[in-house]
Amino acid sequence: MLITRPQGDHTFGGPMKLFYGQSPVSIDAAIQAAVQAAKDELPGASLDWLELAEVRGGFDNNILQYQIAIRIGYSPAA
């Protein structure tokens, strides 16, 4: 997959919130959990971008738990 920078007048301004996710499966699954938390907390909002802010892990009963924090930029519901 090719990822490019946005072209034109698009900027990453506007509201932004921090969300957390955790998963015993992978960092990707933890990110998906955080995105779902954002969708649940911001119903109707357009999620515009995200930035991985923090990655760490912990152990729960000797099972690795991937933990992440992401900043999500969004446009409020109209």
PDB file of N, CA and C in Angstrom:
ATOM      1  N   MET A   1       0.849  -1.163   0.000  1.00  0.00           N
ATOM      2  CA  MET A   1       0.000   0.000   0.000  1.00  0.00           C
ATOM      3  C   MET A   1       0.900   1.233   0.000  1.00  0.00           C
ATOM      4  N   LEU A   2       0.623   2.182  -0.869  1.00  0.00           N
ATOM      5  CA  LEU A   2       1.374   3.419  -0.962  1.00  0.00           C
ATOM      6  C   LEU A   2       0.664   4.499  -0.160  1.00  0.00           C
ATOM      7  N   ILE A   3       1.378   5.132   0.731  1.00  0.00           N
ATOM      8  CA  ILE A   3       0.810   6.205   1.541  1.00  0.00           C
ATOM      9  C   ILE A   3       1.470   7.506   1.110  1.00  0.00           C
ATOM     10  N   THR A   4       0.668   8.482   0.754  1.00  0.00           N
ATOM     11  CA  THR A   4       1.205   9.773   0.325  1.00  0.00           C
ATOM     12  C   THR A   4       0.675  10.877   1.213  1.00  0.00           C
ATOM     13  N   ARG A   5       1.359  11.992   1.186  1.00  0.00           N
ATOM     14  CA  ARG A   5       0.890  13.170   1.922  1.00  0.00           C
ATOM     15  C   ARG A   5      -0.294  13.765   1.183  1.00  0.00           C
ATOM     16  N   PRO A   6      -1.242  14.354   1.916  1.00  0.00           N
ATOM     17  CA  PRO A   6      -2.386  14.979   1.252  1.00  0.00           C
ATOM     18  C   PRO A   6      -1.926  16.114   0.346  1.00  0.00           C
ATOM     19  N   GLN A   7      -2.626  16.299  -0.748  1.00  0.00           N
ATOM     20  CA  GLN A   7      -2.309  17.356  -1.705  1.00  0.00           C
ATOM     21  C   GLN A   7      -3.316  18.503  -1.566  1.00  0.00           C
ATOM     22  N   GLY A   8      -2.963  19.656  -2.068  1.00  0.00           N
ATOM     23  CA  GLY A   8      -3.901  20.771  -2.110  1.00  0.00           C
ATOM     24  C   GLY A   8      -3.963  21.532  -0.803  1.00  0.00           C
ATOM     25  N   ASP A   9      -5.152  22.029  -0.500  1.00  0.00           N
ATOM     26  CA  ASP A   9      -5.345  22.913   0.647  1.00  0.00           C
ATOM     27  C   ASP A   9      -5.709  22.176   1.932  1.00  0.00           C
ATOM     28  N   HIS A  10      -5.709  20.854   1.903  1.00  0.00           N
ATOM     29  CA  HIS A  10      -6.114  20.104   3.089  1.00  0.00           C
ATOM     30  C   HIS A  10      -5.110  20.331   4.222  1.00  0.00           C
ATOM     31  N   THR A  11      -5.620  20.600   5.405  1.00  0.00           N
ATOM     32  CA  THR A  11      -4.764  20.748   6.580  1.00  0.00           C
ATOM     33  C   THR A  11      -5.258  19.799   7.667  1.00  0.00           C
ATOM     34  N   PHE A  12      -4.433  19.565   8.644  1.00  0.00           N
ATOM     35  CA  PHE A  12      -4.793  18.689   9.736  1.00  0.00           C
ATOM     36  C   PHE A  12      -5.197  19.487  10.967  1.00  0.00           C
ATOM     37  N   GLY A  13      -5.950  20.545  10.778  1.00  0.00           N
ATOM     38  CA  GLY A  13      -6.427  21.347  11.896  1.00  0.00           C
ATOM     39  C   GLY A  13      -7.722  20.790  12.445  1.00  0.00           C
ATOM     40  N   GLY A  14      -8.325  21.525  13.335  1.00  0.00           N
ATOM     41  CA  GLY A  14      -9.612  21.119  13.883  1.00  0.00           C
ATOM     42  C   GLY A  14      -9.471  20.358  15.176  1.00  0.00           C
ATOM     43  N   PRO A  15     -10.597  19.853  15.675  1.00  0.00           N
ATOM     44  CA  PRO A  15     -10.574  19.163  16.961  1.00  0.00           C
ATOM     45  C   PRO A  15      -9.774  17.865  16.900  1.00  0.00           C
ATOM     46  N   MET A  16      -9.233  17.501  18.050  1.00  0.00           N
ATOM     47  CA  MET A  16      -8.421  16.300  18.159  1.00  0.00           C
ATOM     48  C   MET A  16      -8.616  15.735  19.564  1.00  0.00           C
ATOM     49  N   LYS A  17      -8.669  14.415  19.681  1.00  0.00           N
ATOM     50  CA  LYS A  17      -8.795  13.761  20.986  1.00  0.00           C
ATOM     51  C   LYS A  17      -7.840  12.581  21.053  1.00  0.00           C
ATOM     52  N   LEU A  18      -7.489  12.220  22.265  1.00  0.00           N
ATOM     53  CA  LEU A  18      -6.618  11.084  22.514  1.00  0.00           C
ATOM     54  C   LEU A  18      -7.468   9.880  22.912  1.00  0.00           C
ATOM     55  N   PHE A  19      -7.195   8.737  22.288  1.00  0.00           N
ATOM     56  CA  PHE A  19      -7.909   7.498  22.590  1.00  0.00           C
ATOM     57  C   PHE A  19      -6.896   6.391  22.844  1.00  0.00           C
ATOM     58  N   TYR A  20      -7.325   5.406  23.624  1.00  0.00           N
ATOM     59  CA  TYR A  20      -6.446   4.300  23.993  1.00  0.00           C
ATOM     60  C   TYR A  20      -7.038   2.981  23.524  1.00  0.00           C
ATOM     61  N   GLY A  21      -6.162   2.040  23.200  1.00  0.00           N
ATOM     62  CA  GLY A  21      -6.601   0.704  22.817  1.00  0.00           C
ATOM     63  C   GLY A  21      -5.658  -0.327  23.391  1.00  0.00           C
ATOM     64  N   GLN A  22      -6.198  -1.525  23.584  1.00  0.00           N
ATOM     65  CA  GLN A  22      -5.406  -2.620  24.126  1.00  0.00           C
ATOM     66  C   GLN A  22      -5.864  -3.918  23.478  1.00  0.00           C
ATOM     67  N   SER A  23      -4.916  -4.827  23.241  1.00  0.00           N
ATOM     68  CA  SER A  23      -5.240  -6.127  22.662  1.00  0.00           C
ATOM     69  C   SER A  23      -4.133  -7.128  22.983  1.00  0.00           C
ATOM     70  N   PRO A  24      -4.505  -8.385  23.209  1.00  0.00           N
ATOM     71  CA  PRO A  24      -3.485  -9.419  23.375  1.00  0.00           C
ATOM     72  C   PRO A  24      -3.018  -9.965  22.020  1.00  0.00           C
ATOM     73  N   VAL A  25      -3.619  -9.506  20.924  1.00  0.00           N
ATOM     74  CA  VAL A  25      -3.342 -10.057  19.603  1.00  0.00           C
ATOM     75  C   VAL A  25      -2.201  -9.334  18.895  1.00  0.00           C
ATOM     76  N   SER A  26      -2.314  -7.992  18.762  1.00  0.00           N
ATOM     77  CA  SER A  26      -1.316  -7.228  18.008  1.00  0.00           C
ATOM     78  C   SER A  26      -1.485  -5.732  18.249  1.00  0.00           C
ATOM     79  N   ILE A  27      -0.487  -4.972  17.810  1.00  0.00           N
ATOM     80  CA  ILE A  27      -0.593  -3.516  17.864  1.00  0.00           C
ATOM     81  C   ILE A  27      -1.723  -3.053  16.957  1.00  0.00           C
ATOM     82  N   ASP A  28      -1.845  -3.675  15.787  1.00  0.00           N
ATOM     83  CA  ASP A  28      -2.922  -3.325  14.861  1.00  0.00           C
ATOM     84  C   ASP A  28      -4.286  -3.505  15.519  1.00  0.00           C
ATOM     85  N   ALA A  29      -4.479  -4.599  16.223  1.00  0.00           N
ATOM     86  CA  ALA A  29      -5.759  -4.842  16.899  1.00  0.00           C
ATOM     87  C   ALA A  29      -5.993  -3.808  17.995  1.00  0.00           C
ATOM     88  N   ALA A  30      -4.931  -3.378  18.672  1.00  0.00           N
ATOM     89  CA  ALA A  30      -5.068  -2.333  19.687  1.00  0.00           C
ATOM     90  C   ALA A  30      -5.466  -1.009  19.042  1.00  0.00           C
ATOM     91  N   ILE A  31      -4.888  -0.700  17.874  1.00  0.00           N
ATOM     92  CA  ILE A  31      -5.264   0.520  17.146  1.00  0.00           C
ATOM     93  C   ILE A  31      -6.732   0.444  16.738  1.00  0.00           C
ATOM     94  N   GLN A  32      -7.164  -0.710  16.216  1.00  0.00           N
ATOM     95  CA  GLN A  32      -8.560  -0.877  15.820  1.00  0.00           C
ATOM     96  C   GLN A  32      -9.493  -0.674  17.018  1.00  0.00           C
ATOM     97  N   ALA A  33      -9.092  -1.139  18.195  1.00  0.00           N
ATOM     98  CA  ALA A  33      -9.900  -0.952  19.407  1.00  0.00           C
ATOM     99  C   ALA A  33     -10.018   0.529  19.750  1.00  0.00           C
ATOM    100  N   ALA A  34      -8.921   1.273  19.597  1.00  0.00           N
ATOM    101  CA  ALA A  34      -8.952   2.708  19.890  1.00  0.00           C
ATOM    102  C   ALA A  34      -9.810   3.456  18.874  1.00  0.00           C
ATOM    103  N   VAL A  35      -9.727   3.073  17.601  1.00  0.00           N
ATOM    104  CA  VAL A  35     -10.562   3.700  16.571  1.00  0.00           C
ATOM    105  C   VAL A  35     -12.031   3.421  16.862  1.00  0.00           C
ATOM    106  N   GLN A  36     -12.347   2.208  17.286  1.00  0.00           N
ATOM    107  CA  GLN A  36     -13.739   1.892  17.626  1.00  0.00           C
ATOM    108  C   GLN A  36     -14.201   2.723  18.815  1.00  0.00           C
ATOM    109  N   ALA A  37     -13.322   2.925  19.786  1.00  0.00           N
ATOM    110  CA  ALA A  37     -13.662   3.773  20.932  1.00  0.00           C
ATOM    111  C   ALA A  37     -13.967   5.203  20.475  1.00  0.00           C
ATOM    112  N   ALA A  38     -13.197   5.697  19.494  1.00  0.00           N
ATOM    113  CA  ALA A  38     -13.443   7.033  18.954  1.00  0.00           C
ATOM    114  C   ALA A  38     -14.797   7.091  18.258  1.00  0.00           C
ATOM    115  N   LYS A  39     -15.114   6.079  17.464  1.00  0.00           N
ATOM    116  CA  LYS A  39     -16.413   6.044  16.775  1.00  0.00           C
ATOM    117  C   LYS A  39     -17.558   6.005  17.776  1.00  0.00           C
ATOM    118  N   ASP A  40     -17.381   5.261  18.861  1.00  0.00           N
ATOM    119  CA  ASP A  40     -18.415   5.164  19.888  1.00  0.00           C
ATOM    120  C   ASP A  40     -18.601   6.493  20.627  1.00  0.00           C
ATOM    121  N   GLU A  41     -17.493   7.181  20.894  1.00  0.00           N
ATOM    122  CA  GLU A  41     -17.555   8.431  21.653  1.00  0.00           C
ATOM    123  C   GLU A  41     -17.947   9.629  20.796  1.00  0.00           C
ATOM    124  N   LEU A  42     -17.694   9.555  19.495  1.00  0.00           N
ATOM    125  CA  LEU A  42     -17.956  10.685  18.595  1.00  0.00           C
ATOM    126  C   LEU A  42     -18.955  10.280  17.502  1.00  0.00           C
ATOM    127  N   PRO A  43     -20.152   9.855  17.880  1.00  0.00           N
ATOM    128  CA  PRO A  43     -21.093   9.377  16.859  1.00  0.00           C
ATOM    129  C   PRO A  43     -21.422  10.480  15.856  1.00  0.00           C
ATOM    130  N   GLY A  44     -21.405  10.122  14.590  1.00  0.00           N
ATOM    131  CA  GLY A  44     -21.727  11.073  13.532  1.00  0.00           C
ATOM    132  C   GLY A  44     -20.556  11.926  13.080  1.00  0.00           C
ATOM    133  N   ALA A  45     -19.473  11.936  13.832  1.00  0.00           N
ATOM    134  CA  ALA A  45     -18.305  12.735  13.448  1.00  0.00           C
ATOM    135  C   ALA A  45     -17.566  12.035  12.311  1.00  0.00           C
ATOM    136  N   SER A  46     -16.879  12.822  11.509  1.00  0.00           N
ATOM    137  CA  SER A  46     -16.035  12.279  10.451  1.00  0.00           C
ATOM    138  C   SER A  46     -14.615  12.175  10.993  1.00  0.00           C
ATOM    139  N   LEU A  47     -14.117  10.942  11.132  1.00  0.00           N
ATOM    140  CA  LEU A  47     -12.737  10.760  11.587  1.00  0.00           C
ATOM    141  C   LEU A  47     -11.828  11.063  10.407  1.00  0.00           C
ATOM    142  N   ASP A  48     -10.943  12.046  10.566  1.00  0.00           N
ATOM    143  CA  ASP A  48     -10.146  12.542   9.449  1.00  0.00           C
ATOM    144  C   ASP A  48      -8.728  11.992   9.413  1.00  0.00           C
ATOM    145  N   TRP A  49      -8.100  11.804  10.557  1.00  0.00           N
ATOM    146  CA  TRP A  49      -6.714  11.348  10.569  1.00  0.00           C
ATOM    147  C   TRP A  49      -6.393  10.781  11.946  1.00  0.00           C
ATOM    148  N   LEU A  50      -5.298  10.043  12.028  1.00  0.00           N
ATOM    149  CA  LEU A  50      -4.826   9.587  13.327  1.00  0.00           C
ATOM    150  C   LEU A  50      -3.308   9.623  13.369  1.00  0.00           C
ATOM    151  N   GLU A  51      -2.814   9.731  14.569  1.00  0.00           N
ATOM    152  CA  GLU A  51      -1.368   9.738  14.811  1.00  0.00           C
ATOM    153  C   GLU A  51      -1.100   8.790  15.969  1.00  0.00           C
ATOM    154  N   LEU A  52      -0.218   7.834  15.743  1.00  0.00           N
ATOM    155  CA  LEU A  52       0.164   6.923  16.809  1.00  0.00           C
ATOM    156  C   LEU A  52       1.046   7.688  17.788  1.00  0.00           C
ATOM    157  N   ALA A  53       0.547   7.887  18.993  1.00  0.00           N
ATOM    158  CA  ALA A  53       1.235   8.727  19.963  1.00  0.00           C
ATOM    159  C   ALA A  53       2.101   7.923  20.926  1.00  0.00           C
ATOM    160  N   GLU A  54       1.696   6.691  21.199  1.00  0.00           N
ATOM    161  CA  GLU A  54       2.409   5.913  22.210  1.00  0.00           C
ATOM    162  C   GLU A  54       2.196   4.425  21.953  1.00  0.00           C
ATOM    163  N   VAL A  55       3.229   3.649  22.153  1.00  0.00           N
ATOM    164  CA  VAL A  55       3.138   2.187  22.055  1.00  0.00           C
ATOM    165  C   VAL A  55       3.845   1.612  23.277  1.00  0.00           C
ATOM    166  N   ARG A  56       3.179   0.699  23.930  1.00  0.00           N
ATOM    167  CA  ARG A  56       3.805   0.003  25.050  1.00  0.00           C
ATOM    168  C   ARG A  56       3.119  -1.330  25.243  1.00  0.00           C
ATOM    169  N   GLY A  57       3.530  -2.071  26.195  1.00  0.00           N
ATOM    170  CA  GLY A  57       2.918  -3.354  26.480  1.00  0.00           C
ATOM    171  C   GLY A  57       2.942  -3.625  27.965  1.00  0.00           C
ATOM    172  N   GLY A  58       2.132  -4.552  28.348  1.00  0.00           N
ATOM    173  CA  GLY A  58       2.081  -4.977  29.733  1.00  0.00           C
ATOM    174  C   GLY A  58       1.709  -6.443  29.769  1.00  0.00           C
ATOM    175  N   PHE A  59       1.785  -7.021  30.933  1.00  0.00           N
ATOM    176  CA  PHE A  59       1.448  -8.428  31.074  1.00  0.00           C
ATOM    177  C   PHE A  59       0.279  -8.567  32.034  1.00  0.00           C
ATOM    178  N   ASP A  60      -0.709  -9.343  31.615  1.00  0.00           N
ATOM    179  CA  ASP A  60      -1.871  -9.651  32.435  1.00  0.00           C
ATOM    180  C   ASP A  60      -1.918 -11.170  32.567  1.00  0.00           C
ATOM    181  N   ASN A  61      -1.631 -11.681  33.754  1.00  0.00           N
ATOM    182  CA  ASN A  61      -1.527 -13.136  33.965  1.00  0.00           C
ATOM    183  C   ASN A  61      -0.551 -13.775  32.980  1.00  0.00           C
ATOM    184  N   ASN A  62       0.608 -13.133  32.796  1.00  0.00           N
ATOM    185  CA  ASN A  62       1.671 -13.594  31.904  1.00  0.00           C
ATOM    186  C   ASN A  62       1.295 -13.569  30.429  1.00  0.00           C
ATOM    187  N   ILE A  63       0.230 -12.876  30.062  1.00  0.00           N
ATOM    188  CA  ILE A  63      -0.163 -12.719  28.661  1.00  0.00           C
ATOM    189  C   ILE A  63       0.135 -11.287  28.248  1.00  0.00           C
ATOM    190  N   LEU A  64       0.934 -11.153  27.198  1.00  0.00           N
ATOM    191  CA  LEU A  64       1.300  -9.830  26.709  1.00  0.00           C
ATOM    192  C   LEU A  64       0.071  -9.082  26.223  1.00  0.00           C
ATOM    193  N   GLN A  65      -0.083  -7.845  26.649  1.00  0.00           N
ATOM    194  CA  GLN A  65      -1.149  -6.959  26.193  1.00  0.00           C
ATOM    195  C   GLN A  65      -0.488  -5.774  25.487  1.00  0.00           C
ATOM    196  N   TYR A  66      -0.783  -5.609  24.198  1.00  0.00           N
ATOM    197  CA  TYR A  66      -0.298  -4.454  23.458  1.00  0.00           C
ATOM    198  C   TYR A  66      -1.168  -3.269  23.824  1.00  0.00           C
ATOM    199  N   GLN A  67      -0.548  -2.142  24.149  1.00  0.00           N
ATOM    200  CA  GLN A  67      -1.281  -0.953  24.555  1.00  0.00           C
ATOM    201  C   GLN A  67      -0.805   0.219  23.701  1.00  0.00           C
ATOM    202  N   ILE A  68      -1.759   0.991  23.177  1.00  0.00           N
ATOM    203  CA  ILE A  68      -1.405   2.133  22.337  1.00  0.00           C
ATOM    204  C   ILE A  68      -2.250   3.339  22.718  1.00  0.00           C
ATOM    205  N   ALA A  69      -1.750   4.497  22.320  1.00  0.00           N
ATOM    206  CA  ALA A  69      -2.521   5.738  22.398  1.00  0.00           C
ATOM    207  C   ALA A  69      -2.447   6.383  21.012  1.00  0.00           C
ATOM    208  N   ILE A  70      -3.587   6.860  20.529  1.00  0.00           N
ATOM    209  CA  ILE A  70      -3.618   7.553  19.243  1.00  0.00           C
ATOM    210  C   ILE A  70      -4.352   8.876  19.399  1.00  0.00           C
ATOM    211  N   ARG A  71      -3.881   9.850  18.644  1.00  0.00           N
ATOM    212  CA  ARG A  71      -4.601  11.119  18.529  1.00  0.00           C
ATOM    213  C   ARG A  71      -5.434  11.014  17.257  1.00  0.00           C
ATOM    214  N   ILE A  72      -6.716  11.348  17.370  1.00  0.00           N
ATOM    215  CA  ILE A  72      -7.598  11.305  16.209  1.00  0.00           C
ATOM    216  C   ILE A  72      -8.130  12.706  15.966  1.00  0.00           C
ATOM    217  N   GLY A  73      -7.931  13.174  14.734  1.00  0.00           N
ATOM    218  CA  GLY A  73      -8.513  14.434  14.298  1.00  0.00           C
ATOM    219  C   GLY A  73      -9.846  14.141  13.636  1.00  0.00           C
ATOM    220  N   TYR A  74     -10.819  15.002  13.900  1.00  0.00           N
ATOM    221  CA  TYR A  74     -12.153  14.726  13.395  1.00  0.00           C
ATOM    222  C   TYR A  74     -12.908  16.019  13.073  1.00  0.00           C
ATOM    223  N   SER A  75     -13.949  15.857  12.279  1.00  0.00           N
ATOM    224  CA  SER A  75     -14.878  16.943  12.002  1.00  0.00           C
ATOM    225  C   SER A  75     -16.164  16.618  12.743  1.00  0.00           C
ATOM    226  N   PRO A  76     -16.640  17.516  13.595  1.00  0.00           N
ATOM    227  CA  PRO A  76     -17.851  17.228  14.374  1.00  0.00           C
ATOM    228  C   PRO A  76     -19.045  16.936  13.471  1.00  0.00           C
ATOM    229  N   ALA A  77     -20.001  16.196  14.033  1.00  0.00           N
ATOM    230  CA  ALA A  77     -21.233  15.887  13.294  1.00  0.00           C
ATOM    231  C   ALA A  77     -21.959  17.188  12.967  1.00  0.00           C
ATOM    232  N   ALA A  78     -22.546  17.210  11.787  1.00  0.00           N
ATOM    233  CA  ALA A  78     -23.256  18.419  11.353  1.00  0.00           C
ATOM    234  C   ALA A  78     -24.597  18.560  12.021  1.00  0.00           C
TER     235      ALA A  78
END
